[in-house]
C-alpha atoms as a PDB file:
ATOM      1  CA  MET A   1       0.000   0.000   0.000  1.00  0.00           C
ATOM      2  CA  ALA A   2       1.390   3.393  -0.961  1.00  0.00           C
ATOM      3  CA  GLY A   3       2.563   5.428   2.001  1.00  0.00           C
ATOM      4  CA  VAL A   4       2.794   2.426   4.356  1.00  0.00           C
ATOM      5  CA  TYR A   5       6.249   1.240   5.479  1.00  0.00           C
ATOM      6  CA  ASP A   6       7.423  -1.714   7.548  1.00  0.00           C
ATOM      7  CA  PRO A   7       7.614  -0.941  11.274  1.00  0.00           C
ATOM      8  CA  SER A   8      10.450  -2.116  13.493  1.00  0.00           C
ATOM      9  CA  VAL A   9       9.904  -4.641  16.267  1.00  0.00           C
ATOM     10  CA  GLN A  10      11.029  -2.038  18.806  1.00  0.00           C
ATOM     11  CA  GLN A  11       8.325   0.325  17.590  1.00  0.00           C
ATOM     12  CA  LEU A  12       5.718  -2.426  17.887  1.00  0.00           C
ATOM     13  CA  ARG A  13       6.941  -3.256  21.385  1.00  0.00           C
ATOM     14  CA  SER A  14       6.626   0.415  22.282  1.00  0.00           C
ATOM     15  CA  LEU A  15       3.053   0.403  20.975  1.00  0.00           C
ATOM     16  CA  LEU A  16       2.119  -2.556  23.189  1.00  0.00           C
ATOM     17  CA  THR A  17       3.720  -1.072  26.287  1.00  0.00           C
ATOM     18  CA  LEU A  18       2.105   2.333  25.854  1.00  0.00           C
ATOM     19  CA  ALA A  19      -1.273   0.688  25.203  1.00  0.00           C
ATOM     20  CA  GLU A  20      -0.921  -1.129  28.525  1.00  0.00           C
ATOM     21  CA  GLU A  21       0.272   1.842  30.568  1.00  0.00           C
ATOM     22  CA  LEU A  22      -1.579   4.714  28.823  1.00  0.00           C
ATOM     23  CA  HIS A  23       1.133   6.945  30.252  1.00  0.00           C
ATOM     24  CA  PHE A  24       4.317   7.952  28.432  1.00  0.00           C
ATOM     25  CA  GLY A  25       6.406   8.222  31.588  1.00  0.00           C
ATOM     26  CA  ARG A  26       5.536   4.777  32.927  1.00  0.00           C
ATOM     27  CA  ALA A  27       5.816   3.147  29.501  1.00  0.00           C
ATOM     28  CA  ALA A  28       9.220   4.746  28.893  1.00  0.00           C
ATOM     29  CA  ALA A  29      10.447   3.494  32.281  1.00  0.00           C
ATOM     30  CA  ARG A  30       9.382  -0.066  31.455  1.00  0.00           C
ATOM     31  CA  LEU A  31      11.202   0.107  28.129  1.00  0.00           C
ATOM     32  CA  TYR A  32      14.262   1.824  29.634  1.00  0.00           C
ATOM     33  CA  LEU A  33      13.818   4.727  27.235  1.00  0.00           C
ATOM     34  CA  THR A  34      13.550   8.430  27.821  1.00  0.00           C
ATOM     35  CA  GLN A  35      10.078   9.873  27.381  1.00  0.00           C
ATOM     36  CA  PRO A  36      11.070  11.854  24.247  1.00  0.00           C
ATOM     37  CA  ALA A  37      12.590   8.692  22.734  1.00  0.00           C
ATOM     38  CA  LEU A  38       9.357   6.769  23.302  1.00  0.00           C
ATOM     39  CA  SER A  39       7.308   9.615  21.836  1.00  0.00           C
ATOM     40  CA  LEU A  40       9.545   9.541  18.750  1.00  0.00           C
ATOM     41  CA  GLN A  41       9.098   5.758  18.435  1.00  0.00           C
ATOM     42  CA  ILE A  42       5.308   6.104  18.507  1.00  0.00           C
ATOM     43  CA  SER A  43       5.120   9.045  16.114  1.00  0.00           C
ATOM     44  CA  THR A  44       7.476   7.271  13.681  1.00  0.00           C
ATOM     45  CA  LEU A  45       5.325   4.142  13.852  1.00  0.00           C
ATOM     46  CA  GLU A  46       2.193   6.163  13.146  1.00  0.00           C
ATOM     47  CA  ARG A  47       3.848   7.766  10.123  1.00  0.00           C
ATOM     48  CA  ARG A  48       5.016   4.396   8.805  1.00  0.00           C
ATOM     49  CA  LEU A  49       1.580   2.836   9.131  1.00  0.00           C
ATOM     50  CA  GLY A  50      -0.280   5.941   8.030  1.00  0.00           C
ATOM     51  CA  VAL A  51      -2.747   5.743  10.927  1.00  0.00           C
ATOM     52  CA  ARG A  52      -3.279   7.411  14.277  1.00  0.00           C
ATOM     53  CA  LEU A  53      -2.716   4.915  17.091  1.00  0.00           C
ATOM     54  CA  PHE A  54      -3.135   7.155  20.140  1.00  0.00           C
ATOM     55  CA  THR A  55      -4.870  10.363  21.050  1.00  0.00           C
ATOM     56  CA  ARG A  56      -2.829  12.514  23.391  1.00  0.00           C
ATOM     57  CA  THR A  57      -3.747  15.436  25.572  1.00  0.00           C
ATOM     58  CA  SER A  58      -1.906  17.055  28.462  1.00  0.00           C
ATOM     59  CA  ARG A  59      -4.013  14.944  30.832  1.00  0.00           C
ATOM     60  CA  ARG A  60      -4.428  11.536  29.229  1.00  0.00           C
ATOM     61  CA  VAL A  61      -3.398   9.061  26.545  1.00  0.00           C
ATOM     62  CA  GLU A  62      -5.961   6.825  24.826  1.00  0.00           C
ATOM     63  CA  VAL A  63      -5.733   4.123  22.172  1.00  0.00           C
ATOM     64  CA  THR A  64      -7.682   4.990  19.018  1.00  0.00           C
ATOM     65  CA  PRO A  65     -10.199   2.512  17.544  1.00  0.00           C
ATOM     66  CA  VAL A  66      -7.683   1.722  14.793  1.00  0.00           C
ATOM     67  CA  GLY A  67      -5.003   1.128  17.412  1.00  0.00           C
ATOM     68  CA  ARG A  68      -7.247  -1.239  19.378  1.00  0.00           C
ATOM     69  CA  ALA A  69      -8.024  -3.189  16.216  1.00  0.00           C
ATOM     70  CA  LEU A  70      -4.308  -3.633  15.485  1.00  0.00           C
ATOM     71  CA  LEU A  71      -3.239  -4.665  18.999  1.00  0.00           C
ATOM     72  CA  PRO A  72      -3.961  -8.436  18.680  1.00  0.00           C
ATOM     73  CA  LEU A  73      -1.931  -8.622  15.466  1.00  0.00           C
ATOM     74  CA  VAL A  74       0.910  -6.621  16.999  1.00  0.00           C
ATOM     75  CA  ARG A  75       1.002  -8.979  20.006  1.00  0.00           C
ATOM     76  CA  ASN A  76       1.290 -11.955  17.669  1.00  0.00           C
ATOM     77  CA  ILE A  77       4.117 -10.334  15.697  1.00  0.00           C
ATOM     78  CA  VAL A  78       6.122  -9.361  18.787  1.00  0.00           C
ATOM     79  CA  GLY A  79       5.523 -12.765  20.376  1.00  0.00           C
ATOM     80  CA  ALA A  80       6.663 -14.593  17.247  1.00  0.00           C
ATOM     81  CA  THR A  81       9.754 -12.391  17.034  1.00  0.00           C
ATOM     82  CA  ASP A  82      10.635 -13.160  20.656  1.00  0.00           C
ATOM     83  CA  GLU A  83      10.226 -16.890  20.017  1.00  0.00           C
ATOM     84  CA  LEU A  84      12.468 -16.655  16.961  1.00  0.00           C
ATOM     85  CA  ARG A  85      15.141 -14.796  18.911  1.00  0.00           C
ATOM     86  CA  ASP A  86      14.966 -17.248  21.828  1.00  0.00           C
ATOM     87  CA  ALA A  87      15.279 -20.254  19.513  1.00  0.00           C
ATOM     88  CA  ALA A  88      18.257 -18.744  17.701  1.00  0.00           C
ATOM     89  CA  LEU A  89      20.039 -17.831  20.928  1.00  0.00           C
ATOM     90  CA  SER A  90      19.417 -21.265  22.437  1.00  0.00           C
ATOM     91  CA  SER A  91      20.809 -22.960  19.340  1.00  0.00           C
ATOM     92  CA  LEU A  92      23.832 -20.697  19.493  1.00  0.00           C
ATOM     93  CA  ALA A  93      24.518 -21.485  23.147  1.00  0.00           C
ATOM     94  CA  GLU A  94      23.991 -25.216  22.672  1.00  0.00           C
ATOM     95  CA  GLY A  95      26.679 -25.169  20.005  1.00  0.00           C
ATOM     96  CA  GLY A  96      29.196 -24.611  22.801  1.00  0.00           C
ATOM     97  CA  GLY A  97      32.323 -22.503  22.902  1.00  0.00           C
ATOM     98  CA  LEU A  98      30.635 -19.383  24.297  1.00  0.00           C
ATOM     99  CA  ARG A  99      32.079 -17.899  27.473  1.00  0.00           C
ATOM    100  CA  LEU A 100      30.841 -14.867  29.397  1.00  0.00           C
ATOM    101  CA  ARG A 101      33.284 -13.151  31.764  1.00  0.00           C
ATOM    102  CA  VAL A 102      31.292 -11.284  34.396  1.00  0.00           C
ATOM    103  CA  GLY A 103      32.718  -8.757  36.845  1.00  0.00           C
ATOM    104  CA  LEU A 104      31.115  -8.360  40.258  1.00  0.00           C
ATOM    105  CA  THR A 105      31.892  -6.154  43.219  1.00  0.00           C
ATOM    106  CA  ASP A 106      31.474  -7.678  46.667  1.00  0.00           C
ATOM    107  CA  CYS A 107      28.196  -5.815  47.156  1.00  0.00           C
ATOM    108  CA  ALA A 108      26.831  -7.116  43.856  1.00  0.00           C
ATOM    109  CA  THR A 109      27.352 -10.736  44.863  1.00  0.00           C
ATOM    110  CA  ALA A 110      24.841 -10.436  47.714  1.00  0.00           C
ATOM    111  CA  LEU A 111      21.921  -9.014  45.745  1.00  0.00           C
ATOM    112  CA  GLY A 112      18.949 -11.088  44.694  1.00  0.00           C
ATOM    113  CA  ALA A 113      18.922  -9.380  41.291  1.00  0.00           C
ATOM    114  CA  THR A 114      22.432 -10.691  40.590  1.00  0.00           C
ATOM    115  CA  ARG A 115      21.477 -14.226  41.472  1.00  0.00           C
ATOM    116  CA  ARG A 116      18.315 -14.037  39.372  1.00  0.00           C
ATOM    117  CA  VAL A 117      20.249 -12.949  36.290  1.00  0.00           C
ATOM    118  CA  ILE A 118      22.881 -15.654  36.756  1.00  0.00           C
ATOM    119  CA  ALA A 119      20.222 -18.296  37.467  1.00  0.00           C
ATOM    120  CA  GLY A 120      18.344 -17.162  34.369  1.00  0.00           C
ATOM    121  CA  LEU A 121      21.471 -17.538  32.257  1.00  0.00           C
ATOM    122  CA  THR A 122      22.288 -21.018  33.539  1.00  0.00           C
ATOM    123  CA  THR A 123      18.675 -22.179  33.205  1.00  0.00           C
ATOM    124  CA  ARG A 124      17.947 -20.764  29.750  1.00  0.00           C
ATOM    125  CA  HIS A 125      21.425 -21.305  28.298  1.00  0.00           C
ATOM    126  CA  PRO A 126      23.101 -24.158  30.223  1.00  0.00           C
ATOM    127  CA  ALA A 127      25.875 -24.553  27.640  1.00  0.00           C
ATOM    128  CA  LEU A 128      27.095 -20.986  28.213  1.00  0.00           C
ATOM    129  CA  GLU A 129      30.279 -20.950  30.298  1.00  0.00           C
ATOM    130  CA  ILE A 130      30.217 -18.156  32.904  1.00  0.00           C
ATOM    131  CA  ASP A 131      33.475 -16.926  34.426  1.00  0.00           C
ATOM    132  CA  PHE A 132      33.044 -14.745  37.542  1.00  0.00           C
ATOM    133  CA  ARG A 133      35.656 -12.162  38.506  1.00  0.00           C
ATOM    134  CA  VAL A 134      35.528 -10.034  41.656  1.00  0.00           C
ATOM    135  CA  VAL A 135      36.439  -6.425  40.831  1.00  0.00           C
ATOM    136  CA  ASP A 136      36.648  -3.084  42.614  1.00  0.00           C
ATOM    137  CA  LEU A 137      35.335   0.308  41.509  1.00  0.00           C
ATOM    138  CA  VAL A 138      38.317   0.897  39.229  1.00  0.00           C
ATOM    139  CA  GLU A 139      38.551  -2.597  37.778  1.00  0.00           C
ATOM    140  CA  GLN A 140      34.891  -2.766  36.812  1.00  0.00           C
ATOM    141  CA  VAL A 141      35.410   0.170  34.424  1.00  0.00           C
ATOM    142  CA  THR A 142      38.903  -0.643  33.176  1.00  0.00           C
ATOM    143  CA  GLY A 143      38.002  -4.314  32.807  1.00  0.00           C
ATOM    144  CA  LEU A 144      35.122  -3.479  30.482  1.00  0.00           C
ATOM    145  CA  ALA A 145      37.104  -0.870  28.576  1.00  0.00           C
ATOM    146  CA  THR A 146      40.063  -3.190  27.963  1.00  0.00           C
ATOM    147  CA  GLY A 147      38.080  -6.363  27.323  1.00  0.00           C
ATOM    148  CA  ARG A 148      39.261  -8.273  30.410  1.00  0.00           C
ATOM    149  CA  ILE A 149      35.599  -8.767  31.308  1.00  0.00           C
ATOM    150  CA  ASP A 150      32.582  -8.848  29.010  1.00  0.00           C
ATOM    151  CA  ALA A 151      29.952  -7.471  31.386  1.00  0.00           C
ATOM    152  CA  ALA A 152      29.784  -6.178  34.942  1.00  0.00           C
ATOM    153  CA  PHE A 153      27.165  -5.786  37.619  1.00  0.00           C
ATOM    154  CA  VAL A 154      27.481  -2.140  38.614  1.00  0.00           C
ATOM    155  CA  TYR A 155      25.894   0.625  40.603  1.00  0.00           C
ATOM    156  CA  LEU A 156      25.147   3.633  38.427  1.00  0.00           C
ATOM    157  CA  PRO A 157      26.532   5.974  37.286  1.00  0.00           C
ATOM    158  CA  VAL A 158      29.180   4.404  35.075  1.00  0.00           C
ATOM    159  CA  ALA A 159      31.098   7.129  33.289  1.00  0.00           C
ATOM    160  CA  GLU A 160      31.984   5.306  30.062  1.00  0.00           C
ATOM    161  CA  ASP A 161      30.352   4.352  26.773  1.00  0.00           C
ATOM    162  CA  PHE A 162      28.557   1.252  28.034  1.00  0.00           C
ATOM    163  CA  HIS A 163      25.178  -0.252  27.327  1.00  0.00           C
ATOM    164  CA  ILE A 164      23.264  -0.135  30.611  1.00  0.00           C
ATOM    165  CA  GLN A 165      20.474  -2.487  31.655  1.00  0.00           C
ATOM    166  CA  PRO A 166      18.975  -1.256  34.957  1.00  0.00           C
ATOM    167  CA  LEU A 167      17.879  -4.090  37.228  1.00  0.00           C
ATOM    168  CA  THR A 168      16.709  -2.685  40.559  1.00  0.00           C
ATOM    169  CA  THR A 169      17.093   0.170  43.019  1.00  0.00           C
ATOM    170  CA  GLU A 170      18.427   0.111  46.550  1.00  0.00           C
ATOM    171  CA  ALA A 171      18.708   2.537  49.449  1.00  0.00           C
ATOM    172  CA  ARG A 172      22.035   4.115  50.292  1.00  0.00           C
ATOM    173  CA  VAL A 173      23.191   4.203  53.910  1.00  0.00           C
ATOM    174  CA  ALA A 174      25.660   6.350  55.817  1.00  0.00           C
ATOM    175  CA  CYS A 175      28.732   4.615  57.245  1.00  0.00           C
ATOM    176  CA  LEU A 176      29.907   6.074  60.560  1.00  0.00           C
ATOM    177  CA  SER A 177      32.431   5.074  63.185  1.00  0.00           C
ATOM    178  CA  SER A 178      30.852   3.514  66.266  1.00  0.00           C
ATOM    179  CA  THR A 179      32.457   6.360  68.253  1.00  0.00           C
ATOM    180  CA  ASP A 180      30.822   9.019  66.054  1.00  0.00           C
ATOM    181  CA  PRO A 181      28.334  11.109  68.081  1.00  0.00           C
ATOM    182  CA  LEU A 182      25.696  10.427  65.411  1.00  0.00           C
ATOM    183  CA  SER A 183      26.132   6.659  65.519  1.00  0.00           C
ATOM    184  CA  GLN A 184      23.469   6.126  68.180  1.00  0.00           C
ATOM    185  CA  ARG A 185      20.749   7.749  66.113  1.00  0.00           C
ATOM    186  CA  ALA A 186      18.107   5.712  64.274  1.00  0.00           C
ATOM    187  CA  SER A 187      18.709   7.758  61.106  1.00  0.00           C
ATOM    188  CA  VAL A 188      20.427  10.909  59.865  1.00  0.00           C
ATOM    189  CA  CYS A 189      19.970  13.515  57.130  1.00  0.00           C
ATOM    190  CA  LEU A 190      22.602  14.912  54.788  1.00  0.00           C
ATOM    191  CA  ALA A 191      22.977  18.133  56.755  1.00  0.00           C
ATOM    192  CA  ASP A 192      23.924  16.116  59.849  1.00  0.00           C
ATOM    193  CA  LEU A 193      26.958  14.726  58.034  1.00  0.00           C
ATOM    194  CA  ALA A 194      28.581  17.956  56.850  1.00  0.00           C
ATOM    195  CA  ASP A 195      30.971  18.455  59.779  1.00  0.00           C
ATOM    196  CA  ARG A 196      33.345  15.592  58.919  1.00  0.00           C
ATOM    197  CA  PRO A 197      35.184  14.650  55.704  1.00  0.00           C
ATOM    198  CA  MET A 198      34.039  11.960  53.296  1.00  0.00           C
ATOM    199  CA  VAL A 199      36.307   9.051  52.484  1.00  0.00           C
ATOM    200  CA  SER A 200      38.098   9.930  49.239  1.00  0.00           C
ATOM    201  CA  LEU A 201      37.953   7.495  46.328  1.00  0.00           C
ATOM    202  CA  THR A 202      41.076   6.988  44.234  1.00  0.00           C
ATOM    203  CA  PRO A 203      41.386   9.311  41.192  1.00  0.00           C
ATOM    204  CA  GLN A 204      41.128   6.256  38.924  1.00  0.00           C
ATOM    205  CA  VAL A 205      37.448   6.063  39.881  1.00  0.00           C
ATOM    206  CA  PRO A 206      35.483   8.195  37.365  1.00  0.00           C
ATOM    207  CA  ARG A 207      34.594  11.627  38.708  1.00  0.00           C
ATOM    208  CA  ALA A 208      30.855  11.076  38.202  1.00  0.00           C
ATOM    209  CA  VAL A 209      31.042   7.929  40.334  1.00  0.00           C
ATOM    210  CA  ARG A 210      32.938   9.691  43.115  1.00  0.00           C
ATOM    211  CA  ASP A 211      30.523  12.617  43.122  1.00  0.00           C
ATOM    212  CA  PHE A 212      27.489  10.329  43.279  1.00  0.00           C
ATOM    213  CA  TRP A 213      28.755   8.279  46.215  1.00  0.00           C
ATOM    214  CA  SER A 214      29.968  11.369  48.069  1.00  0.00           C
ATOM    215  CA  VAL A 215      26.805  13.369  47.241  1.00  0.00           C
ATOM    216  CA  ASP A 216      28.939  16.183  45.877  1.00  0.00           C
ATOM    217  CA  PRO A 217      27.629  18.817  45.482  1.00  0.00           C
ATOM    218  CA  ARG A 218      25.245  18.721  48.432  1.00  0.00           C
ATOM    219  CA  PRO A 219      21.687  20.014  47.999  1.00  0.00           C
ATOM    220  CA  ASP A 220      22.312  22.820  50.502  1.00  0.00           C
ATOM    221  CA  GLY A 221      25.535  23.905  48.780  1.00  0.00           C
ATOM    222  CA  VAL A 222      27.808  23.078  51.730  1.00  0.00           C
ATOM    223  CA  PRO A 223      31.264  22.125  50.371  1.00  0.00           C
ATOM    224  CA  VAL A 224      32.254  18.480  50.723  1.00  0.00           C
ATOM    225  CA  ARG A 225      35.616  17.781  52.359  1.00  0.00           C
ATOM    226  CA  TYR A 226      37.633  14.617  51.663  1.00  0.00           C
ATOM    227  CA  THR A 227      40.241  12.546  53.462  1.00  0.00           C
ATOM    228  CA  ALA A 228      43.823  12.622  52.228  1.00  0.00           C
ATOM    229  CA  HIS A 229      43.821   8.819  52.103  1.00  0.00           C
ATOM    230  CA  GLU A 230      42.244   7.404  48.920  1.00  0.00           C
ATOM    231  CA  VAL A 231      40.547   4.015  48.523  1.00  0.00           C
ATOM    232  CA  SER A 232      39.039   1.845  45.791  1.00  0.00           C
ATOM    233  CA  ARG A 233      37.701  -1.070  47.860  1.00  0.00           C
ATOM    234  CA  VAL A 234      34.953  -1.230  50.450  1.00  0.00           C
ATOM    235  CA  GLU A 235      37.168  -2.779  53.139  1.00  0.00           C
ATOM    236  CA  SER A 236      39.607   0.146  52.916  1.00  0.00           C
ATOM    237  CA  LEU A 237      36.731   2.616  52.934  1.00  0.00           C
ATOM    238  CA  LEU A 238      35.337   1.145  56.149  1.00  0.00           C
ATOM    239  CA  SER A 239      38.766   1.221  57.782  1.00  0.00           C
ATOM    240  CA  ALA A 240      38.973   4.939  56.989  1.00  0.00           C
ATOM    241  CA  VAL A 241      35.548   5.383  58.568  1.00  0.00           C
ATOM    242  CA  SER A 242      36.617   3.495  61.687  1.00  0.00           C
ATOM    243  CA  PHE A 243      40.112   4.874  62.253  1.00  0.00           C
ATOM    244  CA  ASP A 244      39.921   8.354  60.712  1.00  0.00           C
ATOM    245  CA  GLY A 245      36.391   9.225  61.811  1.00  0.00           C
ATOM    246  CA  ALA A 246      35.448   9.986  58.205  1.00  0.00           C
ATOM    247  CA  ARG A 247      32.047   9.224  56.716  1.00  0.00           C
ATOM    248  CA  ALA A 248      30.890   7.469  53.576  1.00  0.00           C
ATOM    249  CA  PHE A 249      27.827   6.230  51.729  1.00  0.00           C
ATOM    250  CA  LEU A 250      27.310   2.675  50.497  1.00  0.00           C
ATOM    251  CA  PRO A 251      24.444   0.538  49.190  1.00  0.00           C
ATOM    252  CA  ALA A 252      22.292  -0.791  52.032  1.00  0.00           C
ATOM    253  CA  VAL A 253      23.422  -4.356  51.352  1.00  0.00           C
ATOM    254  CA  ALA A 254      26.871  -3.410  52.682  1.00  0.00           C
ATOM    255  CA  ALA A 255      25.518  -3.647  56.227  1.00  0.00           C
ATOM    256  CA  GLU A 256      24.992  -7.387  55.710  1.00  0.00           C
ATOM    257  CA  LEU A 257      28.248  -7.969  53.872  1.00  0.00           C
ATOM    258  CA  TYR A 258      30.499  -6.006  56.227  1.00  0.00           C
ATOM    259  CA  PRO A 259      29.160  -6.246  59.788  1.00  0.00           C
ATOM    260  CA  ARG A 260      31.757  -4.603  62.028  1.00  0.00           C
ATOM    261  CA  PRO A 261      31.530  -3.581  65.676  1.00  0.00           C
ATOM    262  CA  ASP A 262      33.461  -0.398  64.862  1.00  0.00           C
ATOM    263  CA  VAL A 263      31.146   0.787  62.042  1.00  0.00           C
ATOM    264  CA  ARG A 264      27.485   1.776  62.099  1.00  0.00           C
ATOM    265  CA  TYR A 265      25.195   1.873  59.039  1.00  0.00           C
ATOM    266  CA  LEU A 266      22.366   4.378  59.265  1.00  0.00           C
ATOM    267  CA  PRO A 267      19.474   5.225  56.919  1.00  0.00           C
ATOM    268  CA  VAL A 268      19.689   8.734  55.438  1.00  0.00           C
ATOM    269  CA  THR A 269      16.238  10.273  55.264  1.00  0.00           C
ATOM    270  CA  ASP A 270      16.884  12.635  52.341  1.00  0.00           C
ATOM    271  CA  LEU A 271      19.314  10.548  50.267  1.00  0.00           C
ATOM    272  CA  PRO A 272      17.962   9.183  46.951  1.00  0.00           C
ATOM    273  CA  PRO A 273      18.503   5.477  46.261  1.00  0.00           C
ATOM    274  CA  CYS A 274      21.101   4.018  43.940  1.00  0.00           C
ATOM    275  CA  THR A 275      20.396   2.016  40.780  1.00  0.00           C
ATOM    276  CA  PHE A 276      21.849  -1.449  40.348  1.00  0.00           C
ATOM    277  CA  ALA A 277      22.454  -2.485  36.737  1.00  0.00           C
ATOM    278  CA  ILE A 278      24.450  -4.670  34.421  1.00  0.00           C
ATOM    279  CA  ALA A 279      26.706  -3.024  31.835  1.00  0.00           C
ATOM    280  CA  TRP A 280      28.623  -4.119  28.771  1.00  0.00           C
ATOM    281  CA  PRO A 281      30.487  -2.209  26.043  1.00  0.00           C
ATOM    282  CA  GLU A 282      28.155  -0.525  23.579  1.00  0.00           C
ATOM    283  CA  ALA A 283      30.390  -1.590  20.691  1.00  0.00           C
ATOM    284  CA  ASP A 284      29.996  -5.265  21.664  1.00  0.00           C
ATOM    285  CA  ARG A 285      26.260  -5.324  22.294  1.00  0.00           C
ATOM    286  CA  ASP A 286      25.579  -7.618  19.294  1.00  0.00           C
ATOM    287  CA  ALA A 287      28.202 -10.206  20.308  1.00  0.00           C
ATOM    288  CA  PRO A 288      26.586 -13.661  20.740  1.00  0.00           C
ATOM    289  CA  HIS A 289      27.392 -14.101  24.443  1.00  0.00           C
ATOM    290  CA  LEU A 290      26.110 -10.608  25.244  1.00  0.00           C
ATOM    291  CA  ALA A 291      22.975 -11.267  23.177  1.00  0.00           C
ATOM    292  CA  LEU A 292      22.278 -14.181  25.518  1.00  0.00           C
ATOM    293  CA  LEU A 293      22.751 -11.906  28.527  1.00  0.00           C
ATOM    294  CA  ALA A 294      20.485  -9.227  27.059  1.00  0.00           C
ATOM    295  CA  ASP A 295      17.866 -11.885  26.341  1.00  0.00           C
ATOM    296  CA  VAL A 296      17.796 -12.980  29.987  1.00  0.00           C
ATOM    297  CA  CYS A 297      17.717  -9.389  31.261  1.00  0.00           C
ATOM    298  CA  ARG A 298      14.722  -8.624  29.041  1.00  0.00           C
ATOM    299  CA  ALA A 299      12.892 -11.718  30.256  1.00  0.00           C
ATOM    300  CA  LEU A 300      13.532 -10.917  33.923  1.00  0.00           C
ATOM    301  CA  ARG A 301      12.547  -7.296  33.389  1.00  0.00           C
ATOM    302  CA  ASP A 302       9.234  -8.436  31.905  1.00  0.00           C
ATOM    303  CA  GLU A 303       8.706 -10.773  34.869  1.00  0.00           C
ATOM    304  CA  GLY A 304       9.248  -7.845  37.197  1.00  0.00           C
ATOM    305  CA  LEU A 305      12.540  -7.425  39.008  1.00  0.00           C
ATOM    306  CA  PRO A 306      12.162  -5.194  42.101  1.00  0.00           C
ATOM    307  CA  THR A 307      12.443  -1.510  41.248  1.00  0.00           C
ATOM    308  CA  ASP A 308      11.768   0.271  44.558  1.00  0.00           C
ATOM    309  CA  PRO A 309      14.331   1.029  47.249  1.00  0.00           C
ATOM    310  CA  PRO A 310      13.914  -1.252  50.257  1.00  0.00           C
ATOM    311  CA  ALA A 311      11.742   0.354  52.896  1.00  0.00           C
ATOM    312  CA  PRO A 312      13.220   0.607  56.397  1.00  0.00           C
ATOM    313  CA  GLY A 313      12.131  -2.479  58.269  1.00  0.00           C
ATOM    314  CA  PRO A 314      11.422  -3.022  61.935  1.00  0.00           C
ATOM    315  CA  ARG A 315      14.444  -3.415  64.159  1.00  0.00           C
ATOM    316  CA  THR A 316      14.997  -7.020  65.145  1.00  0.00           C
ATOM    317  CA  ASP A 317      17.733  -6.308  67.676  1.00  0.00           C
ATOM    318  CA  PRO A 318      19.088  -3.236  69.465  1.00  0.00           C
ATOM    319  CA  ASP A 319      22.021  -2.894  67.072  1.00  0.00           C
ATOM    320  CA  ALA A 320      20.052  -3.161  63.814  1.00  0.00           C
ATOM    321  CA  SER A 321      20.151   0.018  61.743  1.00  0.00           C
ATOM    322  CA  VAL A 322      19.073  -1.257  58.317  1.00  0.00           C
ATOM    323  CA  PRO A 323      16.767  -4.089  57.207  1.00  0.00           C
ATOM    324  CA  SER A 324      18.362  -7.504  56.847  1.00  0.00           C
ATOM    325  CA  LEU A 325      19.316  -8.944  53.477  1.00  0.00           C
ATOM    326  CA  ALA A 326      16.617 -11.598  53.818  1.00  0.00           C
ATOM    327  CA  GLU A 327      14.006  -8.903  54.375  1.00  0.00           C
ATOM    328  CA  ARG A 328      15.104  -7.075  51.228  1.00  0.00           C
ATOM    329  CA  GLN A 329      14.825 -10.054  48.873  1.00  0.00           C
END
């Protein structure tokens, strides 16, 4: 038909998601797109098909009668495409010889999202060989950039040209010495923490990463001071907290991984959560072993990995300052 052009599968997937959500913001979040990118996908699809699929106002989004009539066919097309991709990837993995080198920080190893991705890989693609490598904040970036690892479980931001697949979000906690006057509180706010320096991360850690984990700049504009000693591993960071009286922020799971009598982990009432993700080089995103990883991430995303920061749980003992790992999973 004149004026009608073939749509892409991504555009059809965007159509289905927006039809379910009827909200550009929520649909874009599900697809891991920006809202303008999703709007462009939909408008391009409408131009290619020559029909109006949605009516939009400042208050609401509705599927047009033509759009509703096309939805069953679109579901069949997207479903068939997914089945084709899954069959091809399974055949590829069963052929053997594929190895995926995955970098993990200590914190990443304890998260349920990590285990679900790895379990999904081993279940869906049992012939894929997975090689785990424990890395620090520097090695997770340099390892990806130099090809020593193929993918890494990371906390955002990652200041390099990587493909990012967000998995879940998690609260950040303040790390204080047990002798710190604030350590006996149930929680703190950012302003409470301004009187002592933050533990300094080594310059090899990307600046955006350092600024995020130090909350620099602070919302109130108070300058952030840093220790002279620089670290790249959590154990060294906690030693600086304990012996130097400095402060730091870590993912909440650190309280389970690094229980120490000399360090307290406290919720921060006005600190946004961190995003846990898996990353791989953008230039390698079509490599067979990374296609298998992307396939599993998409499937788990559709099943519904947790996306909200863990809510503070009830204290189970006098020393508890954050919810337990079991409570968060």
